[in-house]
C-alpha atoms as a PDB file:
ATOM      1  CA  MET A   1     -13.589 127.117  51.687  1.00  0.00           C
ATOM      2  CA  ASN A   2     -11.721 123.811  51.732  1.00  0.00           C
ATOM      3  CA  HIS A   3     -12.613 121.078  49.265  1.00  0.00           C
ATOM      4  CA  ILE A   4     -11.796 117.388  49.522  1.00  0.00           C
ATOM      5  CA  ILE A   5     -10.937 115.642  46.263  1.00  0.00           C
ATOM      6  CA  ALA A   6     -10.895 111.862  46.664  1.00  0.00           C
ATOM      7  CA  ILE A   7      -9.000 109.571  44.317  1.00  0.00           C
ATOM      8  CA  ALA A   8     -10.038 105.931  44.052  1.00  0.00           C
ATOM      9  CA  GLY A   9      -9.003 103.037  41.852  1.00  0.00           C
ATOM     10  CA  PRO A  10      -7.822  99.433  42.023  1.00  0.00           C
ATOM     11  CA  ILE A  11      -4.507  98.282  43.440  1.00  0.00           C
ATOM     12  CA  GLY A  12      -1.778  99.238  40.992  1.00  0.00           C
ATOM     13  CA  SER A  13      -3.766 101.985  39.272  1.00  0.00           C
ATOM     14  CA  GLY A  14      -1.446 104.768  40.437  1.00  0.00           C
ATOM     15  CA  LYS A  15      -3.612 106.398  43.117  1.00  0.00           C
ATOM     16  CA  THR A  16      -0.658 107.485  45.223  1.00  0.00           C
ATOM     17  CA  SER A  17       1.285 108.956  42.302  1.00  0.00           C
ATOM     18  CA  LEU A  18      -1.777 110.803  41.021  1.00  0.00           C
ATOM     19  CA  THR A  19      -2.598 112.151  44.486  1.00  0.00           C
ATOM     20  CA  LYS A  20       0.869 113.664  44.875  1.00  0.00           C
ATOM     21  CA  ALA A  21       1.142 114.973  41.328  1.00  0.00           C
ATOM     22  CA  LEU A  22      -2.361 116.437  41.309  1.00  0.00           C
ATOM     23  CA  ALA A  23      -1.786 118.292  44.572  1.00  0.00           C
ATOM     24  CA  GLN A  24       1.392 119.777  43.120  1.00  0.00           C
ATOM     25  CA  SER A  25      -0.445 120.800  39.964  1.00  0.00           C
ATOM     26  CA  LEU A  26      -3.301 122.436  41.859  1.00  0.00           C
ATOM     27  CA  GLY A  27      -0.867 124.451  43.945  1.00  0.00           C
ATOM     28  CA  ASP A  28      -2.987 125.408  46.950  1.00  0.00           C
ATOM     29  CA  ALA A  29      -3.336 121.786  48.070  1.00  0.00           C
ATOM     30  CA  THR A  30      -2.302 119.228  50.643  1.00  0.00           C
ATOM     31  CA  THR A  31      -2.519 115.440  50.598  1.00  0.00           C
ATOM     32  CA  LEU A  32      -3.852 112.665  52.816  1.00  0.00           C
ATOM     33  CA  PHE A  33      -3.518 108.927  52.269  1.00  0.00           C
ATOM     34  CA  PHE A  34      -5.955 106.209  53.310  1.00  0.00           C
ATOM     35  CA  ASP A  35      -3.049 103.842  54.002  1.00  0.00           C
ATOM     36  CA  ASP A  36      -1.903 106.063  56.876  1.00  0.00           C
ATOM     37  CA  TYR A  37      -5.229 105.466  58.649  1.00  0.00           C
ATOM     38  CA  GLU A  38      -6.429 101.988  57.710  1.00  0.00           C
ATOM     39  CA  ARG A  39      -5.907  98.804  59.704  1.00  0.00           C
ATOM     40  CA  ILE A  40      -7.596  96.509  57.196  1.00  0.00           C
ATOM     41  CA  THR A  41      -4.389  95.054  55.825  1.00  0.00           C
ATOM     42  CA  ASP A  42      -3.498  93.843  59.326  1.00  0.00           C
ATOM     43  CA  SER A  43      -6.472  91.461  59.208  1.00  0.00           C
ATOM     44  CA  PRO A  44      -5.899  87.801  58.292  1.00  0.00           C
ATOM     45  CA  ALA A  45      -6.991  86.698  54.828  1.00  0.00           C
ATOM     46  CA  LYS A  46      -9.822  84.592  56.245  1.00  0.00           C
ATOM     47  CA  ASP A  47     -11.482  87.727  57.661  1.00  0.00           C
ATOM     48  CA  LEU A  48     -11.581  89.374  54.232  1.00  0.00           C
ATOM     49  CA  VAL A  49     -12.910  86.181  52.669  1.00  0.00           C
ATOM     50  CA  GLN A  50     -15.659  86.124  55.313  1.00  0.00           C
ATOM     51  CA  TRP A  51     -16.391  89.804  54.668  1.00  0.00           C
ATOM     52  CA  LEU A  52     -16.911  89.039  50.983  1.00  0.00           C
ATOM     53  CA  GLN A  53     -19.148  86.080  51.787  1.00  0.00           C
ATOM     54  CA  ASN A  54     -21.233  88.261  54.122  1.00  0.00           C
ATOM     55  CA  GLY A  55     -22.025  90.761  51.356  1.00  0.00           C
ATOM     56  CA  ALA A  56     -18.944  93.025  51.365  1.00  0.00           C
ATOM     57  CA  ASN A  57     -20.358  95.867  53.471  1.00  0.00           C
ATOM     58  CA  ILE A  58     -17.788  98.650  53.056  1.00  0.00           C
ATOM     59  CA  ASP A  59     -19.065 100.422  56.161  1.00  0.00           C
ATOM     60  CA  GLU A  60     -17.623  97.536  58.186  1.00  0.00           C
ATOM     61  CA  PHE A  61     -14.161  98.888  57.422  1.00  0.00           C
ATOM     62  CA  ILE A  62     -13.181 100.891  60.474  1.00  0.00           C
ATOM     63  CA  VAL A  63     -10.804 103.734  59.647  1.00  0.00           C
ATOM     64  CA  PRO A  64      -9.861 105.352  62.959  1.00  0.00           C
ATOM     65  CA  GLN A  65      -9.611 109.130  62.995  1.00  0.00           C
ATOM     66  CA  LEU A  66     -10.009 109.696  59.238  1.00  0.00           C
ATOM     67  CA  ALA A  67     -13.553 111.104  59.368  1.00  0.00           C
ATOM     68  CA  ALA A  68     -12.655 113.360  62.301  1.00  0.00           C
ATOM     69  CA  ASP A  69      -9.567 114.665  60.515  1.00  0.00           C
ATOM     70  CA  LEU A  70     -11.517 115.339  57.316  1.00  0.00           C
ATOM     71  CA  ALA A  71     -14.111 117.246  59.309  1.00  0.00           C
ATOM     72  CA  ARG A  72     -11.422 119.399  60.922  1.00  0.00           C
ATOM     73  CA  LEU A  73      -9.759 120.171  57.610  1.00  0.00           C
ATOM     74  CA  LYS A  74     -13.123 121.137  56.098  1.00  0.00           C
ATOM     75  CA  ARG A  75     -13.588 123.568  58.999  1.00  0.00           C
ATOM     76  CA  GLY A  76     -10.177 125.091  58.305  1.00  0.00           C
ATOM     77  CA  GLU A  77      -8.509 123.514  61.330  1.00  0.00           C
ATOM     78  CA  THR A  78      -5.099 121.849  61.437  1.00  0.00           C
ATOM     79  CA  ILE A  79      -4.659 118.139  62.172  1.00  0.00           C
ATOM     80  CA  VAL A  80      -1.807 115.925  63.323  1.00  0.00           C
ATOM     81  CA  HIS A  81      -0.697 113.434  60.677  1.00  0.00           C
ATOM     82  CA  PRO A  82      -1.346 109.908  62.041  1.00  0.00           C
ATOM     83  CA  ALA A  83       1.898 108.444  60.676  1.00  0.00           C
ATOM     84  CA  THR A  84       4.432 111.258  60.960  1.00  0.00           C
ATOM     85  CA  GLY A  85       3.065 113.394  63.774  1.00  0.00           C
ATOM     86  CA  ALA A  86       3.530 116.483  61.599  1.00  0.00           C
ATOM     87  CA  THR A  87       0.984 119.283  61.567  1.00  0.00           C
ATOM     88  CA  VAL A  88      -1.185 119.295  58.430  1.00  0.00           C
ATOM     89  CA  THR A  89      -2.506 122.726  57.523  1.00  0.00           C
ATOM     90  CA  PRO A  90      -5.749 122.913  55.519  1.00  0.00           C
ATOM     91  CA  ARG A  91      -5.489 124.289  51.998  1.00  0.00           C
ATOM     92  CA  LYS A  92      -8.108 125.052  49.361  1.00  0.00           C
ATOM     93  CA  TYR A  93      -7.845 121.481  48.067  1.00  0.00           C
ATOM     94  CA  ILE A  94      -7.283 118.397  50.206  1.00  0.00           C
ATOM     95  CA  VAL A  95      -6.376 115.595  47.788  1.00  0.00           C
ATOM     96  CA  LEU A  96      -7.275 112.325  49.473  1.00  0.00           C
ATOM     97  CA  GLU A  97      -6.145 108.895  48.273  1.00  0.00           C
ATOM     98  CA  MET A  98      -9.318 106.975  49.163  1.00  0.00           C
ATOM     99  CA  PRO A  99      -9.897 103.521  47.593  1.00  0.00           C
ATOM    100  CA  LEU A 100     -13.318 103.251  49.274  1.00  0.00           C
ATOM    101  CA  GLY A 101     -14.625 106.294  47.395  1.00  0.00           C
ATOM    102  CA  LYS A 102     -18.057 107.469  48.505  1.00  0.00           C
ATOM    103  CA  GLU A 103     -19.131 103.990  49.605  1.00  0.00           C
ATOM    104  CA  HIS A 104     -17.693 104.481  53.082  1.00  0.00           C
ATOM    105  CA  GLY A 105     -20.558 106.139  54.920  1.00  0.00           C
ATOM    106  CA  GLU A 106     -18.481 107.688  57.688  1.00  0.00           C
ATOM    107  CA  THR A 107     -16.218 109.652  55.355  1.00  0.00           C
ATOM    108  CA  ALA A 108     -18.407 110.132  52.260  1.00  0.00           C
ATOM    109  CA  PRO A 109     -20.131 113.324  53.511  1.00  0.00           C
ATOM    110  CA  PHE A 110     -16.800 115.170  53.451  1.00  0.00           C
ATOM    111  CA  ILE A 111     -15.884 114.300  49.848  1.00  0.00           C
ATOM    112  CA  ASP A 112     -16.668 117.046  47.338  1.00  0.00           C
ATOM    113  CA  LEU A 113     -15.416 115.280  44.205  1.00  0.00           C
ATOM    114  CA  LEU A 114     -14.485 111.678  43.500  1.00  0.00           C
ATOM    115  CA  LEU A 115     -12.031 110.756  40.753  1.00  0.00           C
ATOM    116  CA  TRP A 116     -11.892 107.113  39.663  1.00  0.00           C
ATOM    117  CA  ILE A 117      -8.937 105.588  37.822  1.00  0.00           C
ATOM    118  CA  ASP A 118     -10.179 102.952  35.377  1.00  0.00           C
ATOM    119  CA  LEU A 119      -7.740 100.093  34.881  1.00  0.00           C
ATOM    120  CA  PRO A 120      -8.404  96.514  33.736  1.00  0.00           C
ATOM    121  CA  ALA A 121      -7.875  93.920  36.459  1.00  0.00           C
ATOM    122  CA  ASP A 122      -5.040  92.178  34.624  1.00  0.00           C
ATOM    123  CA  MET A 123      -3.129  95.442  34.289  1.00  0.00           C
ATOM    124  CA  ALA A 124      -3.746  96.266  37.967  1.00  0.00           C
ATOM    125  CA  VAL A 125      -2.228  93.011  39.224  1.00  0.00           C
ATOM    126  CA  THR A 126       0.628  93.248  36.713  1.00  0.00           C
ATOM    127  CA  ARG A 127       1.529  96.750  37.884  1.00  0.00           C
ATOM    128  CA  LYS A 128       1.449  95.712  41.549  1.00  0.00           C
ATOM    129  CA  ILE A 129       3.806  92.809  40.912  1.00  0.00           C
ATOM    130  CA  ARG A 130       6.074  94.992  38.779  1.00  0.00           C
ATOM    131  CA  GLU A 131       6.193  97.605  41.566  1.00  0.00           C
ATOM    132  CA  TYR A 132       7.359  94.980  44.031  1.00  0.00           C
ATOM    133  CA  THR A 133       9.929  93.391  41.733  1.00  0.00           C
ATOM    134  CA  ARG A 134      11.321  96.824  40.791  1.00  0.00           C
ATOM    135  CA  ASN A 135      11.781  97.682  44.470  1.00  0.00           C
ATOM    136  CA  PHE A 136      13.496  94.347  44.983  1.00  0.00           C
ATOM    137  CA  LEU A 137      15.889  94.890  42.089  1.00  0.00           C
ATOM    138  CA  GLU A 138      16.701  98.423  43.227  1.00  0.00           C
ATOM    139  CA  ASN A 139      17.495  97.270  46.792  1.00  0.00           C
ATOM    140  CA  PRO A 140      19.137  93.842  46.419  1.00  0.00           C
ATOM    141  CA  ALA A 141      21.292  94.271  49.522  1.00  0.00           C
ATOM    142  CA  ILE A 142      18.287  94.126  51.854  1.00  0.00           C
ATOM    143  CA  ASN A 143      16.499  91.291  50.064  1.00  0.00           C
ATOM    144  CA  ASP A 144      17.111  87.797  48.828  1.00  0.00           C
ATOM    145  CA  TYR A 145      15.530  85.952  45.936  1.00  0.00           C
ATOM    146  CA  ARG A 146      13.718  83.491  48.153  1.00  0.00           C
ATOM    147  CA  ASN A 147      11.921  86.290  50.017  1.00  0.00           C
ATOM    148  CA  CYS A 148      10.931  87.830  46.699  1.00  0.00           C
ATOM    149  CA  LEU A 149       9.505  84.539  45.435  1.00  0.00           C
ATOM    150  CA  VAL A 150       7.700  83.910  48.734  1.00  0.00           C
ATOM    151  CA  TRP A 151       6.016  87.335  48.505  1.00  0.00           C
ATOM    152  CA  LEU A 152       5.017  86.764  44.873  1.00  0.00           C
ATOM    153  CA  ASN A 153       3.634  83.327  45.659  1.00  0.00           C
ATOM    154  CA  ASN A 154       1.616  84.634  48.609  1.00  0.00           C
ATOM    155  CA  TYR A 155       0.315  87.598  46.635  1.00  0.00           C
ATOM    156  CA  LEU A 156      -0.893  85.399  43.784  1.00  0.00           C
ATOM    157  CA  ASP A 157      -2.499  82.987  46.262  1.00  0.00           C
ATOM    158  CA  ASN A 158      -4.305  85.890  47.930  1.00  0.00           C
ATOM    159  CA  TYR A 159      -5.334  87.311  44.561  1.00  0.00           C
ATOM    160  CA  GLN A 160      -7.151  84.082  43.788  1.00  0.00           C
ATOM    161  CA  LEU A 161      -8.515  83.872  47.325  1.00  0.00           C
ATOM    162  CA  PHE A 162      -9.911  87.381  47.790  1.00  0.00           C
ATOM    163  CA  ILE A 163      -8.026  90.269  46.132  1.00  0.00           C
ATOM    164  CA  GLY A 164      -9.623  89.712  42.713  1.00  0.00           C
ATOM    165  CA  ASP A 165     -13.083  89.718  44.291  1.00  0.00           C
ATOM    166  CA  VAL A 166     -12.322  92.882  46.276  1.00  0.00           C
ATOM    167  CA  LEU A 167     -11.291  94.624  43.055  1.00  0.00           C
ATOM    168  CA  ALA A 168     -14.560  93.505  41.457  1.00  0.00           C
ATOM    169  CA  VAL A 169     -16.509  95.062  44.360  1.00  0.00           C
ATOM    170  CA  GLN A 170     -14.578  98.305  43.837  1.00  0.00           C
ATOM    171  CA  ARG A 171     -15.338  98.411  40.121  1.00  0.00           C
ATOM    172  CA  GLU A 172     -19.053  97.692  40.632  1.00  0.00           C
ATOM    173  CA  ARG A 173     -19.753 100.028  43.555  1.00  0.00           C
ATOM    174  CA  ILE A 174     -17.191 102.814  43.617  1.00  0.00           C
ATOM    175  CA  GLY A 175     -16.314 103.561  40.003  1.00  0.00           C
ATOM    176  CA  PRO A 176     -19.897 104.333  38.849  1.00  0.00           C
ATOM    177  CA  LYS A 177     -20.271 107.041  41.532  1.00  0.00           C
ATOM    178  CA  ALA A 178     -17.218 108.990  40.417  1.00  0.00           C
ATOM    179  CA  ASP A 179     -17.541 112.580  39.236  1.00  0.00           C
ATOM    180  CA  LEU A 180     -14.679 111.996  36.790  1.00  0.00           C
ATOM    181  CA  ARG A 181     -13.354 108.713  35.382  1.00  0.00           C
ATOM    182  CA  LEU A 182      -9.740 108.685  34.246  1.00  0.00           C
ATOM    183  CA  ASP A 183      -8.137 106.115  31.959  1.00  0.00           C
ATOM    184  CA  GLY A 184      -5.395 104.478  34.029  1.00  0.00           C
ATOM    185  CA  ARG A 185      -3.595 103.448  30.848  1.00  0.00           C
ATOM    186  CA  GLU A 186      -2.872 107.106  30.106  1.00  0.00           C
ATOM    187  CA  SER A 187       0.357 108.734  31.279  1.00  0.00           C
ATOM    188  CA  LEU A 188       0.445 110.299  34.729  1.00  0.00           C
ATOM    189  CA  GLU A 189       0.941 113.707  33.129  1.00  0.00           C
ATOM    190  CA  ARG A 190      -2.193 113.290  31.015  1.00  0.00           C
ATOM    191  CA  MET A 191      -4.307 112.164  33.997  1.00  0.00           C
ATOM    192  CA  VAL A 192      -3.100 115.115  36.075  1.00  0.00           C
ATOM    193  CA  GLN A 193      -3.929 117.495  33.248  1.00  0.00           C
ATOM    194  CA  GLN A 194      -7.459 116.112  32.869  1.00  0.00           C
ATOM    195  CA  ALA A 195      -8.120 115.991  36.615  1.00  0.00           C
ATOM    196  CA  ALA A 196      -6.814 119.484  37.340  1.00  0.00           C
ATOM    197  CA  ALA A 197      -8.846 121.002  34.491  1.00  0.00           C
ATOM    198  CA  PHE A 198     -12.010 119.268  35.713  1.00  0.00           C
ATOM    199  CA  ILE A 199     -11.482 120.334  39.340  1.00  0.00           C
ATOM    200  CA  ARG A 200     -10.802 123.969  38.468  1.00  0.00           C
ATOM    201  CA  ALA A 201     -13.877 124.056  36.213  1.00  0.00           C
ATOM    202  CA  THR A 202     -16.072 122.456  38.893  1.00  0.00           C
ATOM    203  CA  ILE A 203     -14.664 124.224  41.947  1.00  0.00           C
ATOM    204  CA  PRO A 204     -13.485 127.690  40.832  1.00  0.00           C
END
């Protein structure tokens, strides 16, 4: 039987790194990433502000094909990766980076376990900014300082406008429904160790 392990947490909590490392630790596992399916980030900021003002209904987030692909993997069928076009073969564990957790009604029925990465909001935004600045410093030939400052300025504007409130919605609605809460301040190795032990004990 195939089991879907979802990993949720705020921006900057290390969801992507944990998803990859956990799948490697589990062995008989493959990965899927919400970012390869979502179209939310293409929306203008005003739409997300309006969504928050209207009550922040997570089911209003349309994620094309994700539910169908999860259903196929649970049935032991292959899928075509939406970003790469590669064939994804189902394994015992499908580790899914899924910031919406079990609050997204269309995909929730396929999730067997939800892991939540706890991380204070200030650390989440700091890590996101550090990730961007590190990438900039490592690839200076394709960037310029003005572009870096423009991105930082826009990100901080958007954080005040809606990102901080979106993170608050995540913490209030998604975190409490997790089967396992991990401390995002721990090392990646420690989180993988805790998560893998919990999964193997819960799903032999």
